[in-house]
């Protein structure tokens, strides 16, 4: 087992998150110590811009934690306003005619892309967003039944 290889191309928040998860699975499977995680996977990114960035800053980058590395990688690979764009997509999302569960999972998945940024919605804000953007008919039932968080988790 090895982490996924990122070939040259346009990086999106979703692509970077998928690679991050692949690396985390690799670390878990191989019991990779935190101190060597970055240098264990860094060469699986084949994009010249990222490789050049790493080569120029190799000593510093290799000493980062994997979370710190991923934060810097996002800065290098993504547009400056990528997180604001993801948050805007979440805020503009409406349930519409989709099943609530499908829509809620989509919103939560988008919010996962924002982990480690100031744009990440905590559970309370995510709950408010879902309550305010759900289908009007479902919202009436939801408020009429006075559904609590405990009801949802049972």
Protein backbone atom coordinates (compact mmCIF):
# COMPACT_ATOMS: atom_id res chain seq x y z
CA UNK A 1 0.00 0.00 0.00
CA UNK A 2 1.21 3.48 -0.87
CA UNK A 3 -0.42 6.90 -0.87
CA UNK A 4 -2.11 8.00 -4.07
CA UNK A 5 0.08 9.75 -6.61
CA UNK A 6 -0.95 13.26 -7.57
CA UNK A 7 -0.06 13.91 -11.19
CA UNK A 8 0.43 17.40 -12.63
CA UNK A 9 -2.74 19.33 -13.17
CA UNK A 10 -5.22 21.62 -11.51
CA UNK A 11 -5.64 20.97 -7.81
CA UNK A 12 -9.03 21.43 -6.19
CA UNK A 13 -9.91 21.29 -2.50
CA UNK A 14 -11.54 17.90 -3.16
CA UNK A 15 -8.42 16.48 -4.85
CA UNK A 16 -6.17 17.64 -2.03
CA UNK A 17 -8.53 16.24 0.61
CA UNK A 18 -8.64 12.87 -1.17
CA UNK A 19 -4.83 12.77 -1.26
CA UNK A 20 -4.68 13.77 2.42
CA UNK A 21 -7.01 10.90 3.36
CA UNK A 22 -4.94 8.51 1.25
CA UNK A 23 -1.82 9.60 3.13
CA UNK A 24 -3.52 9.23 6.51
CA UNK A 25 -4.60 5.69 5.61
CA UNK A 26 -1.03 4.93 4.55
CA UNK A 27 0.36 6.31 7.84
CA UNK A 28 -2.09 4.21 9.82
CA UNK A 29 -1.43 1.05 7.80
CA UNK A 30 2.36 1.44 8.02
CA UNK A 31 2.39 2.87 11.58
CA UNK A 32 4.41 5.81 10.26
CA UNK A 33 5.83 7.99 13.05
CA UNK A 34 4.62 11.60 12.95
CA UNK A 35 8.18 12.91 12.64
CA UNK A 36 8.69 11.31 9.20
CA UNK A 37 5.20 11.50 7.72
CA UNK A 38 5.81 14.49 5.43
CA UNK A 39 9.03 13.21 3.88
CA UNK A 40 7.45 9.77 3.49
CA UNK A 41 4.73 11.01 1.12
CA UNK A 42 5.95 14.31 -0.34
CA UNK A 43 7.42 12.74 -3.49
CA UNK A 44 4.08 11.17 -4.41
CA UNK A 45 3.08 14.61 -5.72
CA UNK A 46 4.42 14.80 -9.26
CA UNK A 47 3.39 18.35 -10.04
CA UNK A 48 6.52 20.38 -10.95
CA UNK A 49 5.40 23.50 -9.07
CA UNK A 50 4.89 21.52 -5.84
CA UNK A 51 8.13 19.58 -6.28
CA UNK A 52 10.08 22.80 -6.83
CA UNK A 53 8.45 24.36 -3.77
CA UNK A 54 9.46 21.32 -1.72
CA UNK A 55 13.03 21.19 -3.06
CA UNK A 56 13.64 24.87 -2.31
CA UNK A 57 12.25 24.50 1.23
CA UNK A 58 13.04 20.82 1.88
CA UNK A 59 14.60 21.08 5.35
CA UNK A 60 11.85 23.33 6.70
CA UNK A 61 8.97 21.46 5.08
CA UNK A 62 10.26 18.04 6.15
CA UNK A 63 10.22 19.21 9.77
CA UNK A 64 6.53 20.19 9.64
CA UNK A 65 3.76 18.07 11.08
CA UNK A 66 1.56 16.52 8.42
CA UNK A 67 -1.30 18.92 9.33
CA UNK A 68 1.04 21.92 8.99
CA UNK A 69 2.29 20.57 5.66
CA UNK A 70 -1.26 20.15 4.36
CA UNK A 71 -2.08 23.72 5.36
CA UNK A 72 0.94 25.04 3.45
CA UNK A 73 0.22 22.75 0.50
CA UNK A 74 -3.27 24.23 0.21
CA UNK A 75 -1.71 27.71 0.22
CA UNK A 76 0.67 26.73 -2.60
CA UNK A 77 -1.82 24.79 -4.74
CA UNK A 78 -5.19 26.46 -4.34
CA UNK A 79 -6.53 29.87 -5.27
CA UNK A 80 -6.19 32.49 -2.56
CA UNK A 81 -9.97 32.59 -1.94
CA UNK A 82 -10.63 28.84 -2.19
CA UNK A 83 -11.99 28.53 1.37
CA UNK A 84 -14.34 31.49 0.95
CA UNK A 85 -15.60 29.89 -2.26
CA UNK A 86 -16.34 26.59 -0.52
CA UNK A 87 -18.12 28.40 2.32
CA UNK A 88 -20.19 30.39 -0.19
CA UNK A 89 -21.19 27.13 -1.88
CA UNK A 90 -22.31 25.73 1.49
CA UNK A 91 -24.29 28.86 2.39
CA UNK A 92 -25.99 28.94 -1.02
CA UNK A 93 -26.97 25.29 -0.87
CA UNK A 94 -30.66 24.44 -0.49
CA UNK A 95 -32.20 21.04 0.06
CA UNK A 96 -34.69 21.45 -2.77
CA UNK A 97 -36.26 18.14 -3.80
CA UNK A 98 -33.30 16.00 -2.67
CA UNK A 99 -33.61 13.70 0.31
CA UNK A 100 -32.55 15.61 3.42
CA UNK A 101 -29.85 13.08 4.31
CA UNK A 102 -28.18 13.34 0.88
CA UNK A 103 -28.16 17.14 1.01
CA UNK A 104 -26.94 17.27 4.63
CA UNK A 105 -24.06 14.89 3.85
CA UNK A 106 -23.10 17.03 0.84
CA UNK A 107 -23.00 20.16 3.03
CA UNK A 108 -21.00 18.37 5.71
CA UNK A 109 -18.56 17.01 3.12
CA UNK A 110 -17.97 20.51 1.80
CA UNK A 111 -17.45 21.72 5.37
CA UNK A 112 -14.83 18.99 5.89
CA UNK A 113 -12.78 20.67 3.16
CA UNK A 114 -12.58 23.70 5.46
CA UNK A 115 -11.10 21.86 8.47
CA UNK A 116 -8.18 23.81 9.88
CA UNK A 117 -9.33 27.11 8.38
CA UNK A 118 -11.19 30.03 9.91
CA UNK A 119 -14.07 29.23 7.50
CA UNK A 120 -14.92 25.83 9.00
CA UNK A 121 -18.45 25.74 10.46
CA UNK A 122 -18.77 24.27 13.94
CA UNK A 123 -21.64 21.89 14.72
CA UNK A 124 -23.94 24.65 15.95
CA UNK A 125 -23.49 26.75 12.79
CA UNK A 126 -23.91 23.68 10.56
CA UNK A 127 -27.14 22.79 12.37
CA UNK A 128 -28.44 26.34 11.86
CA UNK A 129 -27.53 26.23 8.19
CA UNK A 130 -29.32 22.91 7.68
CA UNK A 131 -32.40 24.07 9.61
CA UNK A 132 -32.65 27.29 7.61
CA UNK A 133 -32.08 25.79 4.16
CA UNK A 134 -34.13 22.61 4.36
CA UNK A 135 -37.27 22.11 2.31
CA UNK A 136 -40.13 24.28 3.62
CA UNK A 137 -42.46 21.31 4.11
CA UNK A 138 -39.85 19.37 6.02
CA UNK A 139 -39.03 22.48 8.08
CA UNK A 140 -42.67 22.76 9.16
CA UNK A 141 -42.67 19.12 10.27
CA UNK A 142 -39.32 19.60 11.98
CA UNK A 143 -40.48 22.61 14.00
CA UNK A 144 -43.98 21.18 14.66
CA UNK A 145 -42.54 17.94 16.03
CA UNK A 146 -39.98 19.89 18.10
CA UNK A 147 -37.23 17.48 17.08
CA UNK A 148 -34.16 17.67 19.31
CA UNK A 149 -30.55 16.72 18.66
CA UNK A 150 -31.07 13.65 20.83
CA UNK A 151 -33.95 12.55 18.57
CA UNK A 152 -31.74 12.84 15.49
CA UNK A 153 -28.92 10.76 16.95
CA UNK A 154 -31.16 7.89 18.07
